[in-house]
């Protein structure tokens, strides 16, 4: 094995309860709890997306099990629970994102952990610790492999997220260094996800698949399955095959926990339920609407000037479905002209197919402009949602051109959502899912003090329904037995 495999395995196995006080700044656990709140919110809302019906139907057909699916009454196997929870977490593209990776680690790591937590007591502090470990492994591995991995067409949420899930579950299960190394080695053969799926249901499946694959890798390693000693950084390894000349596996040796990604450079909690590459343009549109530039009859055209490479994750130029709308700069520009409503209802089939919106698509454009990306004219570094700046320009009938520039999207580390804003997002998603309103505040408060919760199933009873809730309560107060 190489130093990289050894260092990763040590980080996963040696980050124990005793080590947390010395290695985790308070801010790390605070951000982890915010991420749990945000990811559960995304799961609730995702449960009412168009993806929910086929995914839940397939999992129900597989028969009963011992793990729960957030927002439902479904009991299924750990692997299938990870698939569903991960897919629903990413279904609306409302889950948090990390530009360093770039991708959505929480929608992979947390579902994998929840899929181990339903049938026996797990302390909230242990789940949080494992989440931090998995999040750190995924984001720093993404940083080390570099942006060319994403630029070539891989979807890092799936291809890199699987290592975060494997690391998190390995840590929660208490695997030693040898088994943790094998879990990560096994995960190299489970890495998958192509950006060609953006604008389709498959994109969200990448999160669920990676969560289940990482969980499976850790469980198999726990039971004795082995992988190659140099699977990550040696000849013919993950970095060799999935990386580029710019990839540097040795970066992992210095960057793990130094500092933790959760606090620096930080994570983004989304304000809008669509691709992060659209958020700065939406923010600019909202500013222009507030200024009275949009919303009237005098708009001739609207153009978004974005850094080169920003359109890679936005392939849907003439969207006809809600999923395509989430990956369409042209669509959000048209909405900005028409009504400026970017809430959960903005990205449905009905909203995208409105005749007025389809007609407005002819008046908008997206321009990859090198001037928007000083120092990176080809757009080879940084994520599409964070590099350079975005400027929206509006041509008016009176001959004027009015513009607004946005450097940092709302919710990004430089413009973080407040605690109140994040709680409002949680409440909105909870209500959107039709969850009992009398449980909402209690659930949020439990998450805010998750490190003090002795058994995470206390929280899980509040975020599921029907027989799943009854089964968890039986486990807490009696004998839990899953029924068909």
Protein backbone atom coordinates (compact mmCIF):
# COMPACT_ATOMS: atom_id res chain seq x y z
CA UNK A 1 0.00 0.00 0.00
CA UNK A 2 1.05 3.65 -0.36
CA UNK A 3 1.12 6.41 2.24
CA UNK A 4 -2.17 7.71 0.86
CA UNK A 5 -4.09 4.52 1.60
CA UNK A 6 -2.45 4.26 5.02
CA UNK A 7 -3.24 7.87 5.92
CA UNK A 8 -6.85 7.63 4.78
CA UNK A 9 -7.40 4.42 6.72
CA UNK A 10 -5.86 5.93 9.84
CA UNK A 11 -8.07 9.01 9.59
CA UNK A 12 -11.19 6.86 9.25
CA UNK A 13 -10.33 4.36 11.97
CA UNK A 14 -8.58 6.58 14.50
CA UNK A 15 -11.16 9.38 14.60
CA UNK A 16 -12.95 7.98 17.63
CA UNK A 17 -15.09 9.50 20.35
CA UNK A 18 -11.98 10.08 22.46
CA UNK A 19 -10.24 11.87 19.59
CA UNK A 20 -13.09 14.20 18.69
CA UNK A 21 -12.56 16.71 21.51
CA UNK A 22 -8.95 17.16 20.45
CA UNK A 23 -9.45 17.21 16.68
CA UNK A 24 -12.90 18.72 16.03
CA UNK A 25 -13.34 22.45 16.62
CA UNK A 26 -16.80 23.30 17.96
CA UNK A 27 -17.59 24.94 14.63
CA UNK A 28 -17.16 21.62 12.83
CA UNK A 29 -19.90 19.88 14.81
CA UNK A 30 -22.07 22.98 14.54
CA UNK A 31 -21.82 22.91 10.76
CA UNK A 32 -22.43 19.16 10.75
CA UNK A 33 -25.72 19.65 12.60
CA UNK A 34 -26.72 22.38 10.15
CA UNK A 35 -25.97 19.97 7.31
CA UNK A 36 -28.12 17.24 8.87
CA UNK A 37 -31.02 19.69 9.23
CA UNK A 38 -30.62 20.84 5.63
CA UNK A 39 -30.25 17.34 4.15
CA UNK A 40 -33.30 16.01 5.96
CA UNK A 41 -35.23 19.03 4.65
CA UNK A 42 -34.17 18.13 1.11
CA UNK A 43 -35.31 14.52 1.69
CA UNK A 44 -38.77 15.66 2.84
CA UNK A 45 -39.25 17.84 -0.23
CA UNK A 46 -37.77 15.16 -2.51
CA UNK A 47 -40.36 12.71 -1.29
CA UNK A 48 -42.95 14.68 -3.25
CA UNK A 49 -40.91 14.90 -6.44
CA UNK A 50 -41.56 12.93 -9.62
CA UNK A 51 -38.67 10.64 -8.70
CA UNK A 52 -40.36 9.44 -5.53
CA UNK A 53 -43.03 7.22 -7.12
CA UNK A 54 -40.78 4.93 -9.19
CA UNK A 55 -38.05 4.70 -6.55
CA UNK A 56 -40.42 3.99 -3.65
CA UNK A 57 -42.42 1.55 -5.74
CA UNK A 58 -39.33 -0.45 -6.63
CA UNK A 59 -38.20 -0.59 -3.01
CA UNK A 60 -41.63 -1.68 -1.77
CA UNK A 61 -41.64 -4.52 -4.29
CA UNK A 62 -38.42 -5.80 -2.75
CA UNK A 63 -40.15 -6.73 0.50
CA UNK A 64 -39.86 -5.58 4.12
CA UNK A 65 -36.65 -4.87 5.97
CA UNK A 66 -35.20 -3.17 9.01
CA UNK A 67 -34.39 0.36 7.87
CA UNK A 68 -36.56 3.41 7.36
CA UNK A 69 -36.99 5.91 4.56
CA UNK A 70 -37.38 9.52 5.66
CA UNK A 71 -40.88 10.94 5.23
CA UNK A 72 -42.47 7.54 4.48
CA UNK A 73 -43.77 4.41 6.19
CA UNK A 74 -41.37 2.21 4.20
CA UNK A 75 -39.25 -0.45 5.90
CA UNK A 76 -36.63 -1.97 3.64
CA UNK A 77 -33.07 -3.31 3.60
CA UNK A 78 -30.15 -1.07 4.57
CA UNK A 79 -28.84 -0.87 1.01
CA UNK A 80 -32.26 -0.02 -0.42
CA UNK A 81 -32.91 2.54 2.31
CA UNK A 82 -29.62 4.21 1.40
CA UNK A 83 -30.63 4.25 -2.27
CA UNK A 84 -34.02 5.84 -1.57
CA UNK A 85 -32.89 8.36 1.06
CA UNK A 86 -29.91 9.38 -1.09
CA UNK A 87 -32.00 9.74 -4.23
CA UNK A 88 -34.70 11.75 -2.47
CA UNK A 89 -32.10 13.97 -0.82
CA UNK A 90 -30.82 14.99 -4.26
CA UNK A 91 -34.16 14.78 -6.12
CA UNK A 92 -34.85 18.53 -6.14
CA UNK A 93 -31.20 19.63 -6.24
CA UNK A 94 -31.95 21.39 -2.96
CA UNK A 95 -29.20 19.66 -0.95
CA UNK A 96 -26.00 21.37 0.12
CA UNK A 97 -22.99 21.54 -2.15
CA UNK A 98 -19.21 21.89 -1.83
CA UNK A 99 -17.36 23.69 -4.59
CA UNK A 100 -14.06 22.16 -3.47
CA UNK A 101 -15.26 18.68 -4.43
CA UNK A 102 -17.28 19.75 -6.50
CA UNK A 103 -20.47 17.93 -5.56
CA UNK A 104 -23.07 17.10 -2.93
CA UNK A 105 -21.45 14.95 -0.21
CA UNK A 106 -24.23 15.23 2.39
CA UNK A 107 -26.83 13.56 0.14
CA UNK A 108 -24.53 10.54 -0.02
CA UNK A 109 -22.94 10.40 3.44
CA UNK A 110 -25.99 11.02 5.64
CA UNK A 111 -28.28 8.46 3.89
CA UNK A 112 -25.56 5.82 4.23
CA UNK A 113 -25.36 6.52 7.96
CA UNK A 114 -29.13 6.57 8.48
CA UNK A 115 -29.29 3.16 6.82
CA UNK A 116 -27.24 1.72 9.69
CA UNK A 117 -29.12 3.46 12.49
CA UNK A 118 -32.63 2.00 12.55
CA UNK A 119 -32.30 -1.34 14.26
CA UNK A 120 -29.96 -0.64 17.16
CA UNK A 121 -29.02 2.30 19.40
CA UNK A 122 -26.62 4.83 17.88
CA UNK A 123 -25.56 7.93 19.76
CA UNK A 124 -26.13 11.16 17.92
CA UNK A 125 -22.54 12.17 18.67
CA UNK A 126 -21.27 9.03 16.95
CA UNK A 127 -23.38 9.66 13.85
CA UNK A 128 -22.17 13.27 13.71
CA UNK A 129 -18.54 12.16 14.06
CA UNK A 130 -18.96 9.61 11.28
CA UNK A 131 -20.65 12.23 9.10
CA UNK A 132 -17.70 14.61 9.55
CA UNK A 133 -15.23 11.83 8.69
CA UNK A 134 -17.13 10.85 5.54
CA UNK A 135 -17.64 14.45 4.47
CA UNK A 136 -13.94 15.20 4.92
CA UNK A 137 -12.78 12.14 2.98
CA UNK A 138 -15.10 12.88 0.05
CA UNK A 139 -14.35 16.57 -0.24
CA UNK A 140 -10.58 16.28 0.17
CA UNK A 141 -10.40 13.36 -2.26
CA UNK A 142 -12.34 15.50 -4.71
CA UNK A 143 -9.89 18.35 -4.19
CA UNK A 144 -6.92 16.05 -4.74
CA UNK A 145 -8.23 14.49 -7.95
CA UNK A 146 -9.00 17.95 -9.31
CA UNK A 147 -11.55 19.65 -11.55
CA UNK A 148 -10.50 17.74 -14.68
CA UNK A 149 -12.29 14.70 -13.23
CA UNK A 150 -15.57 16.65 -13.37
CA UNK A 151 -14.68 18.39 -16.62
CA UNK A 152 -14.23 15.02 -18.36
CA UNK A 153 -17.86 14.17 -17.63
CA UNK A 154 -17.85 12.42 -14.26
CA UNK A 155 -20.45 13.45 -11.68
CA UNK A 156 -18.35 13.81 -8.54
CA UNK A 157 -21.33 13.34 -6.22
CA UNK A 158 -21.44 9.70 -7.31
CA UNK A 159 -17.84 8.99 -8.22
CA UNK A 160 -16.28 10.71 -5.19
CA UNK A 161 -19.24 10.53 -2.81
CA UNK A 162 -18.98 6.75 -2.59
CA UNK A 163 -15.70 7.13 -0.66
CA UNK A 164 -17.38 9.49 1.80
CA UNK A 165 -20.14 6.96 2.43
CA UNK A 166 -17.66 4.09 2.85
CA UNK A 167 -15.52 6.13 5.24
CA UNK A 168 -18.51 7.31 7.29
CA UNK A 169 -20.01 3.86 7.75
CA UNK A 170 -16.60 2.33 8.45
CA UNK A 171 -16.09 4.90 11.19
CA UNK A 172 -19.56 4.34 12.66
CA UNK A 173 -19.03 0.57 12.67
CA UNK A 174 -15.67 1.01 14.40
CA UNK A 175 -13.56 -0.70 11.73
CA UNK A 176 -9.84 -0.86 12.42
CA UNK A 177 -7.24 0.52 10.01
CA UNK A 178 -6.95 -2.68 7.99
CA UNK A 179 -10.68 -3.06 7.41
CA UNK A 180 -11.14 0.68 6.81
CA UNK A 181 -8.48 0.50 4.10
CA UNK A 182 -10.25 -2.42 2.48
CA UNK A 183 -13.59 -0.57 2.61
CA UNK A 184 -12.07 2.31 0.65
CA UNK A 185 -10.36 -0.10 -1.74
CA UNK A 186 -13.64 -1.88 -2.44
CA UNK A 187 -15.28 1.50 -3.05
CA UNK A 188 -12.87 2.22 -5.93
CA UNK A 189 -14.67 -0.49 -7.92
CA UNK A 190 -18.08 0.99 -7.10
CA UNK A 191 -17.46 4.56 -8.25
CA UNK A 192 -19.93 5.70 -10.91
CA UNK A 193 -21.99 8.60 -12.25
CA UNK A 194 -21.87 10.56 -15.51
CA UNK A 195 -22.87 14.18 -16.06
CA UNK A 196 -24.76 13.11 -19.17
CA UNK A 197 -27.58 12.27 -16.74
CA UNK A 198 -28.08 15.91 -15.73
CA UNK A 199 -31.64 16.98 -16.43
CA UNK A 200 -32.95 13.43 -15.92
CA UNK A 201 -33.98 11.33 -12.93
CA UNK A 202 -30.69 9.44 -13.12
CA UNK A 203 -28.74 12.41 -11.82
CA UNK A 204 -30.38 12.10 -8.40
CA UNK A 205 -29.92 8.34 -8.41
CA UNK A 206 -26.16 8.96 -8.37
CA UNK A 207 -26.45 10.06 -4.74
CA UNK A 208 -28.52 7.08 -3.68
CA UNK A 209 -26.37 4.61 -5.57
CA UNK A 210 -23.18 6.01 -4.04
CA UNK A 211 -24.69 5.89 -0.55
CA UNK A 212 -25.66 2.24 -0.96
CA UNK A 213 -22.34 1.32 -2.59
CA UNK A 214 -20.31 2.97 0.17
CA UNK A 215 -22.42 1.28 2.83
CA UNK A 216 -21.97 -2.08 1.11
CA UNK A 217 -18.21 -1.57 0.80
CA UNK A 218 -17.88 -0.91 4.53
CA UNK A 219 -20.06 -3.86 5.54
CA UNK A 220 -18.20 -6.20 3.22
CA UNK A 221 -14.87 -5.04 4.63
CA UNK A 222 -16.21 -5.57 8.15
CA UNK A 223 -17.01 -9.17 7.22
CA UNK A 224 -13.56 -9.79 5.76
CA UNK A 225 -13.73 -8.94 2.04
CA UNK A 226 -10.48 -7.39 0.83
CA UNK A 227 -9.36 -4.99 -1.89
CA UNK A 228 -6.13 -4.01 -3.60
CA UNK A 229 -3.51 -2.43 -1.34
CA UNK A 230 -2.80 0.37 -3.84
CA UNK A 231 -6.39 0.82 -5.06
CA UNK A 232 -6.48 4.59 -4.62
CA UNK A 233 -3.07 5.97 -5.58
CA UNK A 234 -0.81 3.26 -7.00
CA UNK A 235 -0.32 2.10 -10.61
CA UNK A 236 -3.66 1.37 -12.29
CA UNK A 237 -5.44 2.85 -9.26
CA UNK A 238 -8.42 5.16 -8.92
CA UNK A 239 -6.28 8.27 -9.40
CA UNK A 240 -4.59 6.71 -12.42
CA UNK A 241 -7.88 5.86 -14.14
CA UNK A 242 -10.23 8.61 -12.97
CA UNK A 243 -7.69 11.40 -12.55
CA UNK A 244 -5.59 13.62 -14.80
CA UNK A 245 -2.05 14.98 -14.97
CA UNK A 246 -3.13 17.62 -12.46
CA UNK A 247 -4.34 15.07 -9.88
CA UNK A 248 -2.26 14.83 -6.72
CA UNK A 249 -3.16 12.01 -4.36
CA UNK A 250 -0.46 13.11 -1.94
CA UNK A 251 -2.51 16.24 -1.24
CA UNK A 252 -4.67 14.02 0.95
CA UNK A 253 -1.73 13.48 3.30
CA UNK A 254 -1.69 17.14 4.31
CA UNK A 255 -5.26 18.28 3.84
CA UNK A 256 -7.38 15.85 5.89
CA UNK A 257 -8.76 17.79 8.82
CA UNK A 258 -6.33 20.62 8.15
CA UNK A 259 -8.70 22.41 8.23
CA UNK A 260 -11.99 20.56 7.93
CA UNK A 261 -13.91 21.41 4.75
CA UNK A 262 -17.03 22.06 6.82
CA UNK A 263 -15.46 25.27 8.14
CA UNK A 264 -12.91 26.16 5.45
CA UNK A 265 -13.51 26.73 2.62
CA UNK A 266 -16.99 25.77 3.85
CA UNK A 267 -20.20 24.45 2.33
CA UNK A 268 -23.19 26.00 0.61
CA UNK A 269 -26.75 25.59 1.84
CA UNK A 270 -28.98 26.25 -1.15
CA UNK A 271 -31.67 28.89 -1.31
CA UNK A 272 -33.04 27.60 -4.63
CA UNK A 273 -33.90 24.02 -5.64
CA UNK A 274 -31.83 23.84 -8.81
CA UNK A 275 -28.27 23.45 -10.05
CA UNK A 276 -25.85 25.62 -8.10
CA UNK A 277 -24.45 27.02 -11.36
CA UNK A 278 -27.75 28.95 -11.66
CA UNK A 279 -27.84 30.56 -8.24
CA UNK A 280 -25.82 33.69 -8.92
CA UNK A 281 -27.89 34.44 -12.01
CA UNK A 282 -31.10 33.99 -10.00
CA UNK A 283 -29.78 36.29 -7.29
CA UNK A 284 -29.00 38.91 -9.93
CA UNK A 285 -32.49 38.56 -11.41
CA UNK A 286 -34.08 39.02 -7.98
CA UNK A 287 -32.01 42.15 -7.44
CA UNK A 288 -33.04 43.57 -10.83
CA UNK A 289 -36.68 42.79 -10.09
CA UNK A 290 -36.43 44.58 -6.75
CA UNK A 291 -34.97 47.57 -8.58
CA UNK A 292 -37.98 47.59 -10.92
CA UNK A 293 -35.99 46.61 -14.02
CA UNK A 294 -37.88 43.35 -14.55
CA UNK A 295 -41.59 42.67 -14.34
CA UNK A 296 -42.79 45.32 -16.78
CA UNK A 297 -43.36 45.42 -20.53
CA UNK A 298 -40.11 47.13 -21.50
CA UNK A 299 -37.73 44.16 -21.53
CA UNK A 300 -36.30 43.34 -24.96
CA UNK A 301 -33.77 40.67 -23.93
CA UNK A 302 -31.85 39.28 -20.97
CA UNK A 303 -28.37 37.77 -21.13
CA UNK A 304 -26.34 36.05 -18.43
CA UNK A 305 -22.59 36.48 -18.77
CA UNK A 306 -20.88 33.63 -16.95
CA UNK A 307 -17.32 32.30 -16.58
CA UNK A 308 -16.11 29.88 -19.28
CA UNK A 309 -17.07 26.31 -18.44
CA UNK A 310 -20.13 27.36 -16.46
CA UNK A 311 -22.49 25.84 -19.00
CA UNK A 312 -21.05 22.32 -18.64
CA UNK A 313 -23.62 21.36 -15.98
CA UNK A 314 -26.38 23.31 -17.77
CA UNK A 315 -27.07 21.37 -20.98
CA UNK A 316 -30.81 22.06 -21.24
CA UNK A 317 -31.25 25.09 -23.47
CA UNK A 318 -34.89 24.45 -24.47
CA UNK A 319 -36.27 22.69 -21.39
CA UNK A 320 -39.64 20.94 -21.51
CA UNK A 321 -39.62 19.24 -18.10
CA UNK A 322 -39.08 20.39 -14.54
CA UNK A 323 -35.90 18.35 -14.28
CA UNK A 324 -34.51 20.00 -17.40
CA UNK A 325 -35.46 23.39 -16.00
CA UNK A 326 -33.17 22.78 -13.03
CA UNK A 327 -30.25 22.65 -15.47
CA UNK A 328 -31.22 25.47 -17.80
CA UNK A 329 -29.84 29.01 -17.60
CA UNK A 330 -32.33 30.03 -20.26
CA UNK A 331 -35.26 28.84 -18.16
CA UNK A 332 -34.33 30.79 -15.03
CA UNK A 333 -33.76 33.91 -17.11
CA UNK A 334 -37.25 33.52 -18.60
CA UNK A 335 -38.74 33.08 -15.11
CA UNK A 336 -36.88 36.20 -14.02
CA UNK A 337 -38.60 38.18 -16.76
CA UNK A 338 -42.04 36.69 -16.20
CA UNK A 339 -42.78 36.38 -12.48
CA UNK A 340 -39.53 35.93 -10.55
CA UNK A 341 -40.93 32.99 -8.59
CA UNK A 342 -38.08 30.56 -7.85
CA UNK A 343 -39.82 28.57 -5.11
CA UNK A 344 -40.35 24.81 -5.06
CA UNK A 345 -43.15 25.13 -7.60
CA UNK A 346 -40.90 26.77 -10.18
CA UNK A 347 -39.25 23.54 -11.27
CA UNK A 348 -42.19 21.37 -12.23
CA UNK A 349 -43.23 20.17 -15.67
CA UNK A 350 -46.24 22.47 -15.60
CA UNK A 351 -44.15 25.53 -14.72
CA UNK A 352 -41.57 24.88 -17.43
CA UNK A 353 -44.20 24.20 -20.12
CA UNK A 354 -46.11 27.44 -19.59
CA UNK A 355 -46.54 29.02 -23.06
CA UNK A 356 -45.40 32.40 -21.80
CA UNK A 357 -42.15 30.87 -20.54
CA UNK A 358 -41.53 28.91 -23.73
CA UNK A 359 -42.02 32.10 -25.75
CA UNK A 360 -39.61 34.03 -23.52
CA UNK A 361 -36.85 31.49 -24.19
CA UNK A 362 -36.32 33.25 -27.52
CA UNK A 363 -35.42 36.49 -25.74
CA UNK A 364 -32.75 35.15 -23.37
CA UNK A 365 -29.20 33.93 -23.77
CA UNK A 366 -26.20 32.68 -21.83
CA UNK A 367 -22.70 33.83 -22.77
CA UNK A 368 -19.51 32.23 -21.53
CA UNK A 369 -17.41 35.35 -21.12
CA UNK A 370 -13.67 35.17 -20.25
CA UNK A 371 -14.02 38.57 -18.59
CA UNK A 372 -16.16 36.89 -15.91
CA UNK A 373 -13.30 34.61 -14.89
CA UNK A 374 -10.13 36.63 -14.33
CA UNK A 375 -7.09 34.37 -14.25
CA UNK A 376 -8.99 31.35 -15.57
CA UNK A 377 -10.11 32.24 -19.10
CA UNK A 378 -10.72 28.60 -20.06
CA UNK A 379 -12.70 27.73 -16.93
CA UNK A 380 -10.56 24.79 -15.92
CA UNK A 381 -10.44 25.41 -12.16
CA UNK A 382 -13.16 25.92 -9.58
CA UNK A 383 -16.76 24.85 -9.84
CA UNK A 384 -19.30 26.41 -12.19
CA UNK A 385 -21.12 27.92 -9.22
CA UNK A 386 -18.09 29.55 -7.58
CA UNK A 387 -15.46 30.61 -10.10
CA UNK A 388 -15.31 34.25 -11.19
CA UNK A 389 -18.60 36.16 -11.22
CA UNK A 390 -21.94 36.24 -13.04
CA UNK A 391 -23.44 39.36 -14.60
CA UNK A 392 -27.02 39.55 -15.85
CA UNK A 393 -27.65 42.25 -18.47
CA UNK A 394 -31.12 43.47 -19.40
CA UNK A 395 -31.77 45.30 -22.67
CA UNK A 396 -34.74 47.65 -22.37
CA UNK A 397 -37.06 49.01 -25.04
CA UNK A 398 -35.89 52.59 -24.37
CA UNK A 399 -32.37 51.62 -25.47
CA UNK A 400 -30.83 51.29 -22.02
CA UNK A 401 -28.92 48.25 -20.78
CA UNK A 402 -29.10 47.60 -17.05
CA UNK A 403 -26.92 44.99 -15.37
CA UNK A 404 -26.15 43.44 -11.99
CA UNK A 405 -23.08 41.44 -10.99
CA UNK A 406 -22.99 38.69 -8.34
CA UNK A 407 -19.71 37.27 -7.05
CA UNK A 408 -21.02 34.99 -4.29
CA UNK A 409 -24.30 33.09 -4.37
CA UNK A 410 -26.66 33.34 -1.39
CA UNK A 411 -26.00 30.44 0.97
CA UNK A 412 -22.34 30.18 -0.05
CA UNK A 413 -19.58 30.40 2.60
CA UNK A 414 -19.15 34.13 1.92
CA UNK A 415 -22.93 34.75 2.09
CA UNK A 416 -24.16 32.05 4.49
CA UNK A 417 -27.81 31.46 5.27
CA UNK A 418 -28.65 32.59 8.77
CA UNK A 419 -29.88 30.12 11.35
CA UNK A 420 -33.38 31.55 10.89
CA UNK A 421 -33.19 31.17 7.09
CA UNK A 422 -32.02 27.58 7.34
CA UNK A 423 -34.78 26.78 9.83
CA UNK A 424 -37.32 28.40 7.50
CA UNK A 425 -36.11 26.13 4.71
CA UNK A 426 -36.53 23.11 6.98
CA UNK A 427 -40.04 24.19 7.95
CA UNK A 428 -41.01 24.82 4.32
CA UNK A 429 -39.81 21.39 3.19
CA UNK A 430 -41.44 19.68 6.19
CA UNK A 431 -44.78 21.29 5.38
CA UNK A 432 -44.35 20.58 1.66
CA UNK A 433 -44.08 16.88 2.54
CA UNK A 434 -47.24 17.01 4.66
CA UNK A 435 -45.43 15.94 7.82
CA UNK A 436 -47.25 16.53 11.15
CA UNK A 437 -46.75 20.16 12.08
CA UNK A 438 -46.77 19.41 15.81
CA UNK A 439 -43.55 17.35 15.40
CA UNK A 440 -41.66 19.92 13.32
CA UNK A 441 -40.20 22.06 16.10
CA UNK A 442 -39.29 19.02 18.21
CA UNK A 443 -37.45 17.42 15.29
CA UNK A 444 -35.51 20.61 14.55
CA UNK A 445 -34.55 21.01 18.20
CA UNK A 446 -33.31 17.42 18.39
CA UNK A 447 -31.08 18.00 15.38
CA UNK A 448 -29.73 21.21 16.92
CA UNK A 449 -28.56 19.18 19.93
CA UNK A 450 -27.92 15.91 18.12
CA UNK A 451 -24.58 15.45 19.86
CA UNK A 452 -26.51 15.10 23.14
CA UNK A 453 -29.01 12.50 21.87
CA UNK A 454 -28.37 9.03 23.31
CA UNK A 455 -30.27 7.14 20.59
CA UNK A 456 -30.73 8.60 17.13
CA UNK A 457 -33.89 6.54 16.71
CA UNK A 458 -35.60 9.16 18.90
CA UNK A 459 -35.10 11.58 16.00
CA UNK A 460 -35.94 9.00 13.35
CA UNK A 461 -39.36 8.35 14.91
CA UNK A 462 -40.25 11.98 14.13
CA UNK A 463 -39.15 11.97 10.48
CA UNK A 464 -41.03 8.86 9.32
CA UNK A 465 -44.66 7.82 9.19
CA UNK A 466 -47.05 4.99 10.03
CA UNK A 467 -45.64 1.51 10.52
CA UNK A 468 -42.03 2.78 10.27
CA UNK A 469 -42.65 5.08 13.21
CA UNK A 470 -44.39 2.33 15.16
CA UNK A 471 -41.53 -0.06 14.48
CA UNK A 472 -38.94 2.42 15.72
CA UNK A 473 -41.00 3.17 18.83
CA UNK A 474 -41.27 -0.55 19.52
CA UNK A 475 -37.49 -0.74 19.31
CA UNK A 476 -37.13 2.10 21.76
CA UNK A 477 -39.78 0.95 24.22
CA UNK A 478 -40.29 -2.72 23.44
CA UNK A 479 -39.26 -5.35 20.91
CA UNK A 480 -38.93 -4.16 17.32
CA UNK A 481 -40.04 -6.54 14.61
CA UNK A 482 -40.54 -5.44 11.01
CA UNK A 483 -43.74 -6.64 9.45
CA UNK A 484 -44.63 -6.96 5.79
